[in-house]
Protein backbone atom coordinates (compact mmCIF):
# COMPACT_ATOMS: atom_id res chain seq x y z
CA MET A 1 -0.04 0.03 -0.22
CA ASN A 2 1.52 3.26 -1.17
CA GLY A 3 2.73 5.30 1.96
CA ASP A 4 2.27 2.36 4.59
CA ARG A 5 5.25 2.91 7.27
CA ASP A 6 6.41 5.90 5.40
CA GLN A 7 6.74 8.74 7.86
CA SER A 8 8.29 11.34 5.79
CA GLY A 9 5.38 12.32 3.43
CA VAL A 10 1.76 13.63 3.65
CA GLN A 11 -0.81 11.06 3.68
CA GLU A 12 -4.19 12.34 2.15
CA ILE A 13 -7.08 10.75 3.92
CA GLY A 14 -10.30 11.41 2.36
CA PHE A 15 -13.74 11.34 3.82
CA VAL A 16 -16.88 10.78 1.94
CA LEU A 17 -19.83 12.33 3.86
CA ILE A 18 -23.22 10.74 3.13
CA PRO A 19 -25.89 13.16 4.05
CA GLY A 20 -27.19 12.49 7.41
CA PHE A 21 -23.78 11.05 8.85
CA ALA A 22 -22.68 11.27 12.37
CA LEU A 23 -20.70 14.27 13.43
CA MET A 24 -19.42 12.47 16.25
CA SER A 25 -17.92 9.60 14.02
CA TYR A 26 -16.58 12.20 11.61
CA ALA A 27 -14.82 14.29 14.45
CA SER A 28 -13.69 10.56 16.59
CA ALA A 29 -11.84 9.91 13.03
CA THR A 30 -10.31 13.33 11.82
CA GLU A 31 -9.49 14.92 15.10
CA PRO A 32 -6.73 12.18 15.76
CA LEU A 33 -4.87 13.04 12.30
CA ARG A 34 -4.98 16.69 13.13
CA ALA A 35 -3.49 15.96 17.09
CA ALA A 36 -0.82 13.79 14.99
CA ASN A 37 0.24 16.63 13.04
CA GLN A 38 0.55 19.36 15.87
CA LEU A 39 2.43 16.21 17.63
CA ALA A 40 4.61 15.52 14.60
CA GLY A 41 5.38 19.67 14.17
CA ARG A 42 4.35 19.26 10.55
CA GLU A 43 1.86 17.76 8.40
CA ILE A 44 2.29 14.00 8.02
CA TYR A 45 -1.72 13.68 7.38
CA ARG A 46 -3.84 16.12 5.18
CA VAL A 47 -7.93 15.57 5.61
CA ARG A 48 -9.72 16.02 2.51
CA ALA A 49 -13.88 15.84 2.81
CA PHE A 50 -15.75 15.03 -0.24
CA ALA A 51 -19.52 14.79 -0.41
CA PRO A 52 -22.18 13.87 -3.28
CA GLY A 53 -22.99 17.20 -4.63
CA GLY A 54 -20.18 19.07 -2.98
CA ARG A 55 -21.63 19.48 0.23
CA GLY A 56 -21.65 17.44 3.39
CA VAL A 57 -24.55 17.80 6.34
CA ALA A 58 -24.53 16.34 9.47
CA SER A 59 -27.24 14.49 10.90
CA SER A 60 -27.30 17.43 13.22
CA GLY A 61 -27.58 20.01 10.29
CA ALA A 62 -24.06 20.89 10.82
CA ALA A 63 -22.38 21.30 7.41
CA ILE A 64 -18.72 20.38 6.36
CA PRO A 65 -17.20 22.30 3.58
CA ALA A 66 -16.63 19.61 0.88
CA GLU A 67 -15.47 18.79 -2.34
CA ALA A 68 -17.20 17.08 -5.08
CA LEU A 69 -16.79 13.51 -5.23
CA PRO A 70 -12.94 12.96 -6.43
CA GLU A 71 -12.74 11.76 -10.71
CA ARG A 72 -9.64 9.88 -9.73
CA GLY A 73 -7.42 8.46 -6.90
CA ALA A 74 -4.34 9.98 -7.48
CA GLY A 75 -2.86 11.29 -3.99
CA LEU A 76 -5.38 9.96 -1.86
CA HIS A 77 -3.89 7.18 0.53
CA THR A 78 -7.24 5.90 2.11
CA VAL A 79 -10.96 7.23 1.92
CA PHE A 80 -13.49 6.57 4.33
CA VAL A 81 -17.62 6.41 3.68
CA CYS A 82 -18.87 7.92 6.77
CA ALA A 83 -23.04 7.21 6.79
CA GLY A 84 -25.76 7.49 9.38
CA GLY A 85 -29.44 7.04 8.97
CA GLY A 86 -30.20 3.70 7.20
CA PRO A 87 -30.15 1.77 3.97
CA ALA A 88 -32.76 3.58 2.66
CA GLU A 89 -30.91 7.00 2.42
CA TRP A 90 -27.56 5.13 0.93
CA ASP A 91 -28.69 4.86 -2.63
CA TRP A 92 -26.07 6.74 -4.35
CA PRO A 93 -24.80 5.24 -7.71
CA GLU A 94 -22.46 7.97 -8.26
CA VAL A 95 -20.79 7.25 -4.57
CA ALA A 96 -20.58 3.47 -5.54
CA ALA A 97 -18.87 4.09 -9.05
CA CYS A 98 -16.50 6.39 -7.12
CA LEU A 99 -15.33 3.80 -4.84
CA ARG A 100 -15.07 1.44 -7.23
CA MET A 101 -12.61 3.56 -9.09
CA LEU A 102 -10.69 4.43 -5.87
CA GLY A 103 -10.54 0.67 -5.34
CA ARG A 104 -9.22 -0.15 -8.76
CA ALA A 105 -6.56 2.82 -8.21
CA GLY A 106 -5.07 1.23 -5.30
CA VAL A 107 -6.71 3.79 -2.57
CA ARG A 108 -7.14 1.84 0.80
CA LEU A 109 -10.81 2.30 1.24
CA GLY A 110 -12.98 2.26 4.77
CA GLY A 111 -16.37 2.61 5.99
CA ILE A 112 -17.52 4.26 9.31
CA SER A 113 -20.92 3.44 10.79
CA GLY A 114 -22.96 2.39 8.05
CA GLY A 115 -20.41 3.45 5.55
CA ALA A 116 -19.52 -0.54 5.30
CA TRP A 117 -23.01 -0.93 3.71
CA LEU A 118 -22.04 1.66 0.82
CA LEU A 119 -18.81 -0.22 0.41
CA ALA A 120 -20.33 -3.75 0.35
CA ALA A 121 -23.17 -2.79 -2.18
CA ALA A 122 -20.58 -1.45 -4.39
CA GLY A 123 -19.05 -4.99 -4.50
CA LEU A 124 -15.74 -3.92 -2.54
CA LEU A 125 -16.36 -6.31 0.67
CA GLU A 126 -16.42 -9.60 -0.91
CA ARG A 127 -13.68 -11.87 0.81
CA GLN A 128 -12.72 -9.07 3.50
CA GLY A 129 -13.81 -9.23 7.06
CA PHE A 130 -15.24 -6.06 7.95
CA THR A 131 -18.05 -4.86 10.54
CA ILE A 132 -20.64 -2.07 10.91
CA HIS A 133 -22.62 -0.53 13.33
CA TRP A 134 -24.72 -3.09 15.44
CA GLU A 135 -27.99 -1.57 14.35
CA HIS A 136 -27.35 -1.78 10.76
CA ALA A 137 -25.98 -5.31 10.88
CA PRO A 138 -29.31 -7.25 10.72
CA ALA A 139 -30.48 -5.57 8.00
CA LEU A 140 -27.30 -5.92 5.94
CA VAL A 141 -27.21 -9.58 6.78
CA GLU A 142 -30.74 -9.80 5.33
CA ALA A 143 -30.02 -7.75 2.23
CA MET A 144 -26.67 -9.45 1.59
CA PRO A 145 -26.84 -13.14 2.98
CA HIS A 146 -23.61 -14.18 1.53
CA LEU A 147 -21.73 -11.13 4.17
CA ARG A 148 -21.14 -11.59 7.60
CA PRO A 149 -20.18 -8.58 9.92
CA ALA A 150 -17.96 -9.20 12.69
CA GLN A 151 -19.17 -8.06 15.95
CA ALA A 152 -16.02 -5.87 16.44
CA ARG A 153 -15.32 -1.97 17.08
CA PHE A 154 -13.21 -1.84 14.00
CA VAL A 155 -11.64 -4.28 11.12
CA ILE A 156 -8.62 -3.63 9.59
CA ASP A 157 -8.42 -6.29 6.58
CA GLY A 158 -5.34 -5.46 4.15
CA PRO A 159 -7.26 -2.67 1.81
CA ARG A 160 -10.31 -2.42 3.65
CA ILE A 161 -11.16 -0.85 7.18
CA THR A 162 -14.45 -0.57 8.83
CA CYS A 163 -15.61 0.83 11.99
CA GLY A 164 -18.72 0.63 13.88
CA GLY A 165 -19.08 4.26 14.32
CA GLY A 166 -19.56 6.50 17.55
CA VAL A 167 -16.37 6.81 19.32
CA ALA A 168 -14.85 3.63 18.04
CA PRO A 169 -12.92 5.88 15.33
CA LEU A 170 -10.46 6.78 17.97
CA ASP A 171 -9.55 3.18 18.47
CA MET A 172 -9.30 2.91 14.76
CA MET A 173 -7.20 5.82 14.19
CA HIS A 174 -4.88 4.87 17.13
CA ALA A 175 -4.18 1.38 15.28
CA LEU A 176 -3.58 3.31 12.14
CA ILE A 177 -1.49 5.91 13.36
CA ALA A 178 0.63 3.16 15.04
CA GLU A 179 0.44 1.07 11.93
CA ARG A 180 2.66 4.46 10.27
CA MET A 181 4.26 6.10 12.96
CA GLY A 182 4.89 3.69 16.05
CA ALA A 183 2.93 2.57 19.23
CA GLY A 184 4.67 5.46 21.02
CA PHE A 185 3.49 8.13 18.97
CA ALA A 186 -0.29 6.75 18.54
CA ARG A 187 -0.23 6.59 22.52
CA ARG A 188 0.78 10.32 22.57
CA VAL A 189 -2.43 11.12 20.00
CA SER A 190 -4.67 8.84 22.40
CA ASP A 191 -3.22 10.84 25.79
CA TRP A 192 -3.97 14.08 23.96
CA PHE A 193 -7.68 13.41 24.05
CA LEU A 194 -7.60 11.57 27.41
CA HIS A 195 -7.98 8.19 25.39
CA ALA A 196 -6.87 6.37 28.27
CA ALA A 197 -8.55 2.76 27.56
CA VAL A 198 -7.71 2.32 23.81
CA ALA A 199 -9.83 -0.51 22.71
CA GLY A 200 -8.37 -3.34 20.35
CA GLY A 201 -10.48 -3.94 17.09
CA ALA A 202 -12.13 -6.87 18.80
CA GLY A 203 -13.95 -5.11 21.38
CA PRO A 204 -17.68 -4.83 21.38
CA GLN A 205 -19.56 -2.23 20.25
CA ARG A 206 -22.31 -2.50 22.86
CA GLY A 207 -22.27 -3.02 26.53
CA ALA A 208 -21.81 -6.47 27.67
CA LEU A 209 -25.00 -8.34 28.23
CA ALA A 210 -24.87 -8.12 32.07
CA GLU A 211 -24.69 -4.33 31.83
CA ARG A 212 -27.58 -4.07 29.58
CA TYR A 213 -30.00 -6.37 31.38
CA GLY A 214 -28.44 -5.74 35.20
CA THR A 215 -27.97 -9.18 36.02
CA HIS A 216 -25.02 -11.39 36.42
CA HIS A 217 -26.87 -14.54 36.56
CA PRO A 218 -24.74 -17.04 34.31
CA GLY A 219 -27.72 -19.43 33.69
CA LEU A 220 -30.01 -16.29 32.90
CA LEU A 221 -27.09 -14.66 30.56
CA ALA A 222 -26.79 -17.81 28.68
CA VAL A 223 -30.53 -17.64 28.05
CA LEU A 224 -30.34 -14.11 27.04
CA GLU A 225 -27.52 -14.30 24.82
CA GLN A 226 -29.50 -17.49 22.77
CA MET A 227 -32.55 -15.26 22.88
CA GLU A 228 -30.68 -12.29 21.31
CA ALA A 229 -28.52 -14.46 18.64
CA ALA A 230 -31.67 -16.33 17.06
CA PRO A 231 -34.77 -14.19 17.05
CA GLU A 232 -35.92 -15.94 13.76
CA GLN A 233 -35.78 -19.19 15.77
CA PRO A 234 -37.15 -19.10 19.48
CA LEU A 235 -36.57 -21.72 21.94
CA GLY A 236 -39.15 -23.00 24.01
CA ARG A 237 -39.22 -22.76 27.83
CA ALA A 238 -37.90 -26.01 28.65
CA ALA A 239 -35.11 -25.98 25.89
CA LEU A 240 -34.14 -22.46 27.65
CA ALA A 241 -34.20 -23.82 30.99
CA ARG A 242 -32.12 -26.71 29.95
CA LEU A 243 -29.56 -24.23 28.63
CA ALA A 244 -29.78 -22.28 32.15
CA GLY A 245 -28.88 -25.18 33.88
CA VAL A 246 -32.29 -25.07 35.97
CA SER A 247 -35.75 -25.95 36.02
CA PRO A 248 -38.35 -24.02 33.96
CA ARG A 249 -40.32 -22.89 37.01
CA HIS A 250 -36.75 -21.62 38.43
CA LEU A 251 -36.12 -19.89 35.43
CA ASP A 252 -39.40 -18.10 35.35
CA ARG A 253 -38.83 -16.90 38.90
CA LEU A 254 -35.23 -15.99 37.55
CA PHE A 255 -36.89 -13.41 35.20
CA ALA A 256 -39.26 -12.19 37.33
CA ALA A 257 -36.94 -11.39 40.04
CA GLN A 258 -34.15 -10.18 38.11
CA LEU A 259 -35.75 -8.39 34.98
CA GLY A 260 -39.29 -7.81 36.27
CA LEU A 261 -40.65 -9.64 33.04
CA SER A 262 -41.88 -13.15 32.50
CA LEU A 263 -39.45 -14.84 30.39
CA ARG A 264 -42.55 -14.77 27.47
CA ALA A 265 -42.53 -11.04 27.49
CA GLN A 266 -39.06 -10.67 27.86
CA TYR A 267 -38.42 -13.00 24.78
CA LEU A 268 -41.35 -10.85 22.69
CA ARG A 269 -39.79 -7.69 23.42
CA MET A 270 -36.37 -8.54 22.33
CA ARG A 271 -38.38 -10.05 19.02
CA LEU A 272 -40.18 -6.99 18.73
CA ASP A 273 -36.87 -4.89 18.91
CA HIS A 274 -35.28 -6.61 16.25
CA ALA A 275 -38.16 -6.59 13.80
CA GLN A 276 -37.88 -2.69 14.59
CA ARG A 277 -34.58 -2.54 13.29
CA LEU A 278 -35.19 -4.81 10.05
CA LEU A 279 -38.27 -2.37 9.67
CA VAL A 280 -36.31 1.02 9.69
CA GLN A 281 -33.31 -0.56 8.27
CA SER A 282 -34.25 -2.72 5.38
CA PRO A 283 -36.88 -2.71 2.77
CA MET A 284 -37.99 -6.43 3.71
CA SER A 285 -41.70 -6.85 3.66
CA LEU A 286 -43.82 -7.14 7.00
CA ALA A 287 -44.35 -10.99 6.06
CA GLU A 288 -40.54 -11.42 5.74
CA ILE A 289 -39.81 -9.24 9.31
CA ALA A 290 -42.43 -11.55 10.68
CA PHE A 291 -40.50 -15.04 9.53
CA ALA A 292 -37.10 -13.16 10.49
CA THR A 293 -38.17 -12.77 13.70
CA GLY A 294 -40.03 -15.96 14.52
CA PHE A 295 -43.85 -15.11 14.01
CA SER A 296 -46.34 -18.05 12.66
CA SER A 297 -47.91 -15.02 10.47
CA ALA A 298 -47.84 -11.56 9.76
CA SER A 299 -51.14 -11.03 11.50
CA HIS A 300 -49.54 -12.37 14.31
CA PHE A 301 -46.64 -9.99 14.32
CA SER A 302 -49.04 -7.26 13.32
CA ARG A 303 -51.05 -7.80 16.66
CA ALA A 304 -48.00 -8.38 18.82
CA TRP A 305 -46.51 -4.76 17.68
CA ARG A 306 -49.55 -3.12 18.18
CA GLY A 307 -49.45 -4.37 21.37
CA ARG A 308 -45.94 -3.21 21.96
CA PHE A 309 -46.36 0.15 20.23
CA GLY A 310 -49.82 1.18 19.91
CA LYS A 311 -49.73 1.22 16.05
CA THR A 312 -49.34 -1.80 13.28
CA PRO A 313 -46.04 -1.75 11.60
CA GLY A 314 -47.15 -1.28 8.34
CA GLU A 315 -48.65 2.40 9.91
CA MET A 316 -45.42 2.94 11.39
CA ARG A 317 -43.29 2.22 8.14
CA ALA A 318 -45.66 4.78 6.22
CA GLU A 319 -45.42 7.46 8.68
CA GLY A 320 -41.45 6.97 7.86
CA ARG A 321 -40.01 6.40 11.28
CA VAL A 322 -36.68 5.83 11.63
CA ALA A 323 -35.83 5.99 15.20
CA VAL A 324 -35.62 2.49 16.98
CA GLN A 325 -37.28 2.63 20.24
CA VAL A 326 -35.28 1.06 22.97
CA GLY A 327 -36.32 -0.58 26.36
């Protein structure tokens, strides 16, 4: 890769900003490069922002001055795609064409938050390890079943670099700066941002099950992990109890005492949360979403959804609701 481990030249790092990108993710990726220049006492990285139409507007409404999409790859060492929102907002054929052109030119390509989706849609993640923000992973697997994103904060796989977004780009940029400038220099950059606990790429994107559900019971955690892992094939009460190593009645008591819900109610809530992510993050039909979340029929799914959210899934999709309700 041109420029790797070369401390003398200037690496041009580009960011393709898809409208609605998260400003936090962009800042977490670009600020370490600015700090690296200051600590080095010279320009070792040059950040360039690109956007369709030459205007990058974040989800907050903040505008980032940007160039039109590059017409050739000369001079660019690495280019990241920053995308927020959801797949319905990521249909940018000109971006896909640009990314393929950059890839052919030997430019290292990356995706931040939802950016991996655009790389995948452009055919640039075939046989590559990659990750994506956890919220988008279920829809990506449904849309491109031959791809499997890693459950990781970031993945560096040769010419492809992907990151879950949020504050994870701080960890990713630490690794990339260390790759070029050495671990000691990268540590100085991270210290600049009080980033004392630098996480490795394989670190989780979300809090551990114990933190999210407020329980440390090993049997209950094993059951919750299984429930989250396969919402399309819900297990029966007896099978889950065997997994926990307790009786079905004792498992019921554990759910009531530690989660405040019955096993059935918790399972339904988790499956509907997964269904909501698919509803807003994918073009799947309601029948397909029902099947993917373990409901026997679309009508059964619709009744359960109305009981949880007060409206049918069709009504909520028609209203264009994009915010996933948590809890």
